[in-house]
Amino acid sequence: MMKIRKLLLTFVLLVSLSGCAKPVPPEKSGYVGEWQEKTMSLLITQDGSVRYKRLKGGSSTSVEGPLNGFDGNNFSVGVGPLSTTFVVTRPPYKDGDQWKMVVDGVELVKTTGTEKLSW
């Protein structure tokens, strides 16, 4: 019975936190979309959902959570102590016919949604 209560509490907590995402403000709408590089993928939706995955040094890191907000060009994702800040050294910019952005030292290219990483 205790196990069921814990599962129910966890479910209720997750459902309540799912509504915590802050929508991307109009002045940061260029951040919205799917951004990729061979070892990194970042998805930011207009409603403030973020999904990130990175392969580095033989291991992978992933983050899924609500957008907390922006601090300059940087943005944070997660809830309370389980949040992380993404450092944006170059916000979205046009390079030829591609949109690019540099996040955590990695240059990402905005995809059209047809390109998908195999991992």
Protein backbone atom coordinates (compact mmCIF):
# COMPACT_ATOMS: atom_id res chain seq x y z
CA MET A 1 0.00 0.00 0.00
CA MET A 2 2.86 2.38 0.82
CA LYS A 3 4.39 1.74 -2.60
CA ILE A 4 1.13 2.70 -4.30
CA ARG A 5 0.93 5.93 -2.28
CA LYS A 6 4.48 6.87 -3.27
CA LEU A 7 3.73 6.21 -6.94
CA LEU A 8 0.53 8.23 -6.73
CA LEU A 9 2.33 11.11 -4.99
CA THR A 10 5.08 11.05 -7.62
CA PHE A 11 2.47 11.09 -10.40
CA VAL A 12 0.58 14.02 -8.85
CA LEU A 13 3.84 15.94 -8.39
CA LEU A 14 4.89 15.38 -12.00
CA VAL A 15 1.49 16.41 -13.32
CA SER A 16 1.49 19.58 -11.22
CA LEU A 17 5.03 20.49 -12.30
CA SER A 18 4.25 20.00 -15.98
CA GLY A 19 2.29 23.26 -15.87
CA CYS A 20 5.30 25.23 -14.57
CA ALA A 21 6.87 25.96 -17.95
CA LYS A 22 7.10 29.61 -18.92
CA PRO A 23 6.29 30.30 -22.57
CA VAL A 24 9.14 31.71 -24.62
CA PRO A 25 8.77 35.51 -24.62
CA PRO A 26 8.29 37.19 -28.01
CA GLU A 27 11.75 38.81 -27.93
CA LYS A 28 13.31 35.32 -27.59
CA SER A 29 11.15 33.58 -30.23
CA GLY A 30 14.26 32.90 -32.32
CA TYR A 31 15.22 30.25 -29.75
CA VAL A 32 12.13 28.17 -30.53
CA GLY A 33 12.81 25.11 -32.67
CA GLU A 34 15.00 22.06 -32.94
CA TRP A 35 18.75 22.68 -32.88
CA GLN A 36 21.33 20.01 -33.68
CA GLU A 37 24.96 19.13 -34.10
CA LYS A 38 26.46 15.63 -34.43
CA THR A 39 26.68 15.14 -30.66
CA MET A 40 23.98 17.46 -29.34
CA SER A 41 20.27 18.05 -29.80
CA LEU A 42 18.13 20.79 -28.25
CA LEU A 43 14.39 21.29 -28.68
CA ILE A 44 12.68 24.41 -27.35
CA THR A 45 8.94 24.74 -27.87
CA GLN A 46 6.92 27.95 -27.81
CA ASP A 47 5.03 26.77 -24.71
CA GLY A 48 8.31 26.45 -22.76
CA SER A 49 9.07 22.73 -22.96
CA VAL A 50 12.74 21.87 -23.41
CA ARG A 51 14.43 18.60 -24.38
CA TYR A 52 18.23 18.32 -24.54
CA LYS A 53 20.65 15.48 -25.19
CA ARG A 54 24.43 15.54 -25.53
CA LEU A 55 27.08 12.88 -26.09
CA LYS A 56 30.48 13.76 -24.67
CA GLY A 57 33.44 11.67 -23.58
CA GLY A 58 31.66 8.36 -24.01
CA SER A 59 28.64 9.29 -21.89
CA SER A 60 25.35 11.01 -22.52
CA THR A 61 23.54 13.75 -20.67
CA SER A 62 19.87 14.54 -21.14
CA VAL A 63 17.49 17.08 -19.69
CA GLU A 64 13.74 17.37 -20.15
CA GLY A 65 11.78 19.98 -18.31
CA PRO A 66 10.02 23.30 -18.21
CA LEU A 67 11.70 26.53 -19.22
CA ASN A 68 12.28 28.68 -16.12
CA GLY A 69 13.19 31.79 -18.05
CA PHE A 70 16.00 33.77 -19.63
CA ASP A 71 18.85 35.70 -18.05
CA GLY A 72 20.29 37.71 -20.90
CA ASN A 73 20.97 35.16 -23.64
CA ASN A 74 21.18 32.22 -21.21
CA PHE A 75 18.15 30.18 -20.20
CA SER A 76 17.39 27.79 -17.36
CA VAL A 77 15.41 24.57 -17.44
CA GLY A 78 14.02 22.40 -14.66
CA VAL A 79 12.39 22.75 -11.28
CA GLY A 80 14.01 24.14 -8.13
CA PRO A 81 17.29 22.44 -7.27
CA LEU A 82 16.88 20.17 -10.30
CA SER A 83 17.38 23.03 -12.75
CA THR A 84 20.28 23.76 -15.04
CA THR A 85 21.42 26.84 -16.94
CA PHE A 86 22.35 26.70 -20.60
CA VAL A 87 25.04 29.24 -21.48
CA VAL A 88 24.38 30.86 -24.85
CA THR A 89 27.54 32.59 -26.08
CA ARG A 90 25.95 33.43 -29.41
CA PRO A 91 22.16 33.76 -29.63
CA PRO A 92 20.30 32.68 -32.80
CA TYR A 93 21.80 34.23 -35.92
CA LYS A 94 21.51 33.73 -39.66
CA ASP A 95 24.55 32.26 -41.46
CA GLY A 96 23.78 32.04 -45.17
CA ASP A 97 20.54 30.09 -45.38
CA GLN A 98 20.90 28.46 -41.93
CA TRP A 99 20.01 29.61 -38.45
CA LYS A 100 22.72 28.88 -35.86
CA MET A 101 23.24 29.33 -32.13
CA VAL A 102 26.15 28.55 -29.78
CA VAL A 103 25.04 26.79 -26.57
CA ASP A 104 27.47 25.48 -23.96
CA GLY A 105 30.32 25.98 -26.42
CA VAL A 106 28.67 23.99 -29.25
CA GLU A 107 27.50 25.56 -32.50
CA LEU A 108 24.03 24.21 -33.27
CA VAL A 109 22.08 24.45 -36.52
CA LYS A 110 18.32 24.89 -36.55
CA THR A 111 16.71 22.01 -38.43
CA THR A 112 13.56 21.94 -40.48
CA GLY A 113 12.24 19.03 -38.46
CA THR A 114 13.13 16.40 -41.06
CA GLU A 115 16.65 15.73 -39.80
CA LYS A 116 16.79 13.52 -36.73
CA LEU A 117 19.70 12.28 -34.70
CA SER A 118 20.03 8.51 -34.63
CA TRP A 119 20.68 8.44 -30.88
